[in-house]
C-alpha atoms as a PDB file:
ATOM      1  CA  UNK A   1     -12.519 -11.128  18.260  1.00  0.00           C
ATOM      2  CA  UNK A   2     -11.857 -12.088  14.632  1.00  0.00           C
ATOM      3  CA  UNK A   3     -10.789 -15.710  14.076  1.00  0.00           C
ATOM      4  CA  UNK A   4     -10.264 -16.237  17.787  1.00  0.00           C
ATOM      5  CA  UNK A   5      -7.356 -13.823  18.405  1.00  0.00           C
ATOM      6  CA  UNK A   6      -7.192 -10.166  19.329  1.00  0.00           C
ATOM      7  CA  UNK A   7      -4.222  -7.881  19.962  1.00  0.00           C
ATOM      8  CA  UNK A   8      -4.196  -5.021  22.451  1.00  0.00           C
ATOM      9  CA  UNK A   9      -1.832  -3.214  24.789  1.00  0.00           C
ATOM     10  CA  UNK A  10      -1.636  -4.093  28.471  1.00  0.00           C
ATOM     11  CA  UNK A  11      -1.616  -1.598  31.338  1.00  0.00           C
ATOM     12  CA  UNK A  12       2.098  -0.929  30.699  1.00  0.00           C
ATOM     13  CA  UNK A  13       1.671  -0.319  26.976  1.00  0.00           C
ATOM     14  CA  UNK A  14       3.226  -3.622  25.919  1.00  0.00           C
ATOM     15  CA  UNK A  15       1.515  -5.731  23.251  1.00  0.00           C
ATOM     16  CA  UNK A  16      -0.637  -8.565  24.513  1.00  0.00           C
ATOM     17  CA  UNK A  17      -3.182 -10.900  23.021  1.00  0.00           C
ATOM     18  CA  UNK A  18      -6.277 -12.822  23.931  1.00  0.00           C
ATOM     19  CA  UNK A  19      -7.663 -15.885  22.212  1.00  0.00           C
ATOM     20  CA  UNK A  20     -11.150 -17.288  22.081  1.00  0.00           C
ATOM     21  CA  UNK A  21      -9.722 -20.786  21.918  1.00  0.00           C
ATOM     22  CA  UNK A  22      -6.234 -22.185  22.194  1.00  0.00           C
ATOM     23  CA  UNK A  23      -5.614 -22.614  18.478  1.00  0.00           C
ATOM     24  CA  UNK A  24      -3.867 -19.272  17.932  1.00  0.00           C
ATOM     25  CA  UNK A  25      -2.134 -19.124  21.335  1.00  0.00           C
ATOM     26  CA  UNK A  26       1.323 -20.241  20.145  1.00  0.00           C
ATOM     27  CA  UNK A  27       1.406 -17.897  17.144  1.00  0.00           C
ATOM     28  CA  UNK A  28       0.009 -14.962  19.123  1.00  0.00           C
ATOM     29  CA  UNK A  29       2.477 -15.564  21.948  1.00  0.00           C
ATOM     30  CA  UNK A  30       5.364 -15.653  19.483  1.00  0.00           C
ATOM     31  CA  UNK A  31       4.282 -12.339  17.979  1.00  0.00           C
ATOM     32  CA  UNK A  32       3.847 -10.432  21.242  1.00  0.00           C
ATOM     33  CA  UNK A  33       6.906 -11.923  22.979  1.00  0.00           C
ATOM     34  CA  UNK A  34       9.461 -12.217  20.164  1.00  0.00           C
ATOM     35  CA  UNK A  35       8.468  -9.527  17.684  1.00  0.00           C
ATOM     36  CA  UNK A  36       7.096  -7.288  20.428  1.00  0.00           C
ATOM     37  CA  UNK A  37       6.892  -3.818  18.837  1.00  0.00           C
ATOM     38  CA  UNK A  38       9.435  -4.256  16.017  1.00  0.00           C
ATOM     39  CA  UNK A  39       7.010  -4.360  13.069  1.00  0.00           C
ATOM     40  CA  UNK A  40       9.686  -5.070  10.402  1.00  0.00           C
ATOM     41  CA  UNK A  41       9.978  -8.559  11.907  1.00  0.00           C
ATOM     42  CA  UNK A  42       6.349  -9.172  10.891  1.00  0.00           C
ATOM     43  CA  UNK A  43       7.510  -8.510   7.347  1.00  0.00           C
ATOM     44  CA  UNK A  44      10.387 -10.934   7.874  1.00  0.00           C
ATOM     45  CA  UNK A  45       7.923 -13.655   8.909  1.00  0.00           C
ATOM     46  CA  UNK A  46       5.759 -12.900   5.878  1.00  0.00           C
ATOM     47  CA  UNK A  47       8.868 -13.133   3.704  1.00  0.00           C
ATOM     48  CA  UNK A  48       9.693 -16.568   5.161  1.00  0.00           C
ATOM     49  CA  UNK A  49       6.197 -17.759   4.253  1.00  0.00           C
ATOM     50  CA  UNK A  50       6.417 -16.229   0.768  1.00  0.00           C
ATOM     51  CA  UNK A  51       9.820 -17.789   0.080  1.00  0.00           C
ATOM     52  CA  UNK A  52       8.371 -21.235   0.773  1.00  0.00           C
ATOM     53  CA  UNK A  53       5.001 -20.830  -0.941  1.00  0.00           C
ATOM     54  CA  UNK A  54       6.618 -19.354  -4.062  1.00  0.00           C
ATOM     55  CA  UNK A  55       9.051 -22.264  -4.316  1.00  0.00           C
ATOM     56  CA  UNK A  56      12.172 -20.119  -3.772  1.00  0.00           C
ATOM     57  CA  UNK A  57      12.913 -22.197  -0.682  1.00  0.00           C
ATOM     58  CA  UNK A  58      11.745 -25.558   0.657  1.00  0.00           C
ATOM     59  CA  UNK A  59      12.091 -24.460   4.292  1.00  0.00           C
ATOM     60  CA  UNK A  60      12.494 -21.199   6.199  1.00  0.00           C
ATOM     61  CA  UNK A  61      12.900 -20.547   9.908  1.00  0.00           C
ATOM     62  CA  UNK A  62      12.561 -17.516  12.172  1.00  0.00           C
ATOM     63  CA  UNK A  63      13.886 -17.940  15.703  1.00  0.00           C
ATOM     64  CA  UNK A  64      13.086 -15.596  18.545  1.00  0.00           C
ATOM     65  CA  UNK A  65      13.623 -15.652  22.286  1.00  0.00           C
ATOM     66  CA  UNK A  66      10.564 -17.733  23.093  1.00  0.00           C
ATOM     67  CA  UNK A  67       9.696 -19.678  19.950  1.00  0.00           C
ATOM     68  CA  UNK A  68      10.874 -20.820  16.555  1.00  0.00           C
ATOM     69  CA  UNK A  69       8.651 -20.464  13.492  1.00  0.00           C
ATOM     70  CA  UNK A  70       9.184 -23.090  10.795  1.00  0.00           C
ATOM     71  CA  UNK A  71       7.683 -22.511   7.349  1.00  0.00           C
ATOM     72  CA  UNK A  72       7.189 -25.328   4.850  1.00  0.00           C
ATOM     73  CA  UNK A  73       4.860 -25.737   1.879  1.00  0.00           C
ATOM     74  CA  UNK A  74       2.572 -27.735   4.202  1.00  0.00           C
ATOM     75  CA  UNK A  75       2.144 -24.972   6.783  1.00  0.00           C
ATOM     76  CA  UNK A  76       3.678 -22.832   9.477  1.00  0.00           C
ATOM     77  CA  UNK A  77       4.647 -24.414  12.795  1.00  0.00           C
ATOM     78  CA  UNK A  78       5.351 -22.404  15.935  1.00  0.00           C
ATOM     79  CA  UNK A  79       7.316 -24.331  18.557  1.00  0.00           C
ATOM     80  CA  UNK A  80       7.925 -22.987  22.041  1.00  0.00           C
ATOM     81  CA  UNK A  81      11.519 -22.783  23.231  1.00  0.00           C
ATOM     82  CA  UNK A  82      10.367 -22.821  26.849  1.00  0.00           C
ATOM     83  CA  UNK A  83      10.868 -25.553  29.441  1.00  0.00           C
ATOM     84  CA  UNK A  84       7.571 -27.203  28.479  1.00  0.00           C
ATOM     85  CA  UNK A  85       7.679 -27.963  24.759  1.00  0.00           C
ATOM     86  CA  UNK A  86       4.558 -27.097  22.808  1.00  0.00           C
ATOM     87  CA  UNK A  87       3.773 -26.334  19.236  1.00  0.00           C
ATOM     88  CA  UNK A  88       0.979 -25.691  16.807  1.00  0.00           C
ATOM     89  CA  UNK A  89       0.853 -25.938  13.037  1.00  0.00           C
ATOM     90  CA  UNK A  90      -1.188 -23.412  11.070  1.00  0.00           C
ATOM     91  CA  UNK A  91      -2.159 -23.282   7.448  1.00  0.00           C
ATOM     92  CA  UNK A  92      -0.200 -20.741   5.433  1.00  0.00           C
ATOM     93  CA  UNK A  93      -3.346 -18.613   5.128  1.00  0.00           C
ATOM     94  CA  UNK A  94      -4.028 -18.700   8.885  1.00  0.00           C
ATOM     95  CA  UNK A  95      -0.463 -17.699   9.745  1.00  0.00           C
ATOM     96  CA  UNK A  96      -0.300 -14.980   7.094  1.00  0.00           C
ATOM     97  CA  UNK A  97      -3.633 -13.516   8.241  1.00  0.00           C
ATOM     98  CA  UNK A  98      -2.648 -13.363  11.927  1.00  0.00           C
ATOM     99  CA  UNK A  99       0.798 -11.890  11.139  1.00  0.00           C
ATOM    100  CA  UNK A 100      -0.796  -9.228   8.911  1.00  0.00           C
ATOM    101  CA  UNK A 101      -3.275  -8.372  11.655  1.00  0.00           C
ATOM    102  CA  UNK A 102      -0.409  -8.004  14.139  1.00  0.00           C
ATOM    103  CA  UNK A 103       1.434  -5.771  11.658  1.00  0.00           C
ATOM    104  CA  UNK A 104      -1.758  -3.674  11.337  1.00  0.00           C
ATOM    105  CA  UNK A 105      -1.958  -3.506  15.139  1.00  0.00           C
ATOM    106  CA  UNK A 106       1.650  -2.288  15.410  1.00  0.00           C
ATOM    107  CA  UNK A 107       1.373   0.047  12.412  1.00  0.00           C
ATOM    108  CA  UNK A 108      -2.246   1.196  12.126  1.00  0.00           C
ATOM    109  CA  UNK A 109      -1.665   4.094   9.714  1.00  0.00           C
ATOM    110  CA  UNK A 110      -0.354   3.997   6.137  1.00  0.00           C
ATOM    111  CA  UNK A 111       2.539   6.277   7.173  1.00  0.00           C
ATOM    112  CA  UNK A 112       3.597   3.849   9.921  1.00  0.00           C
ATOM    113  CA  UNK A 113       3.348   0.878   7.569  1.00  0.00           C
ATOM    114  CA  UNK A 114       5.502   2.690   4.997  1.00  0.00           C
ATOM    115  CA  UNK A 115       8.080   3.570   7.652  1.00  0.00           C
ATOM    116  CA  UNK A 116       8.392  -0.066   8.787  1.00  0.00           C
ATOM    117  CA  UNK A 117       8.450  -1.241   5.172  1.00  0.00           C
ATOM    118  CA  UNK A 118      11.324   1.171   4.452  1.00  0.00           C
ATOM    119  CA  UNK A 119      13.175  -0.179   7.501  1.00  0.00           C
ATOM    120  CA  UNK A 120      12.780  -3.782   6.303  1.00  0.00           C
ATOM    121  CA  UNK A 121      13.871  -2.856   2.782  1.00  0.00           C
ATOM    122  CA  UNK A 122      16.885  -0.951   4.123  1.00  0.00           C
ATOM    123  CA  UNK A 123      17.924  -3.874   6.324  1.00  0.00           C
ATOM    124  CA  UNK A 124      17.532  -6.376   3.475  1.00  0.00           C
ATOM    125  CA  UNK A 125      18.816  -4.223   0.619  1.00  0.00           C
ATOM    126  CA  UNK A 126      15.873  -5.010  -1.645  1.00  0.00           C
ATOM    127  CA  UNK A 127      12.181  -4.289  -2.110  1.00  0.00           C
ATOM    128  CA  UNK A 128       9.769  -6.294   0.014  1.00  0.00           C
ATOM    129  CA  UNK A 129       8.123  -8.756  -2.417  1.00  0.00           C
ATOM    130  CA  UNK A 130       4.899  -8.936  -0.396  1.00  0.00           C
ATOM    131  CA  UNK A 131       4.006  -5.241  -0.771  1.00  0.00           C
ATOM    132  CA  UNK A 132       0.547  -6.103  -2.133  1.00  0.00           C
ATOM    133  CA  UNK A 133      -0.295  -7.850   1.155  1.00  0.00           C
ATOM    134  CA  UNK A 134       0.161  -4.553   3.011  1.00  0.00           C
ATOM    135  CA  UNK A 135      -2.577  -2.817   0.998  1.00  0.00           C
ATOM    136  CA  UNK A 136      -0.546   0.357   0.485  1.00  0.00           C
ATOM    137  CA  UNK A 137      -1.313   2.673  -2.407  1.00  0.00           C
ATOM    138  CA  UNK A 138       2.191   3.338  -3.791  1.00  0.00           C
END
């Protein structure tokens, strides 16, 4: 279990996660419950982080059904939208690494990654600026 979080599919085929400690619970829960199997949303989260770290934006937000992800130059905060408020702040590197690992889990082959990348680019009408993060060879 790398860095305390691991993604797998449950008995029904839905994404799930386990954590070694509670640190990555909020981010992992957001990924499996809000992004679920729609891998282009991983790219959207990465774009939010990149917009802030590059200085194009001071603040970006991604809201799902169960949590809101807030990106600032100081880090990435995941806040639960459930009845019991909770939240955890991650460094940009921690958040980026876990999101990339979830993208790899959802799209394990280069062909799948390229398909989801094309979907994101089609939805946004522009190339995905974080292509290098995906480790694709074209």
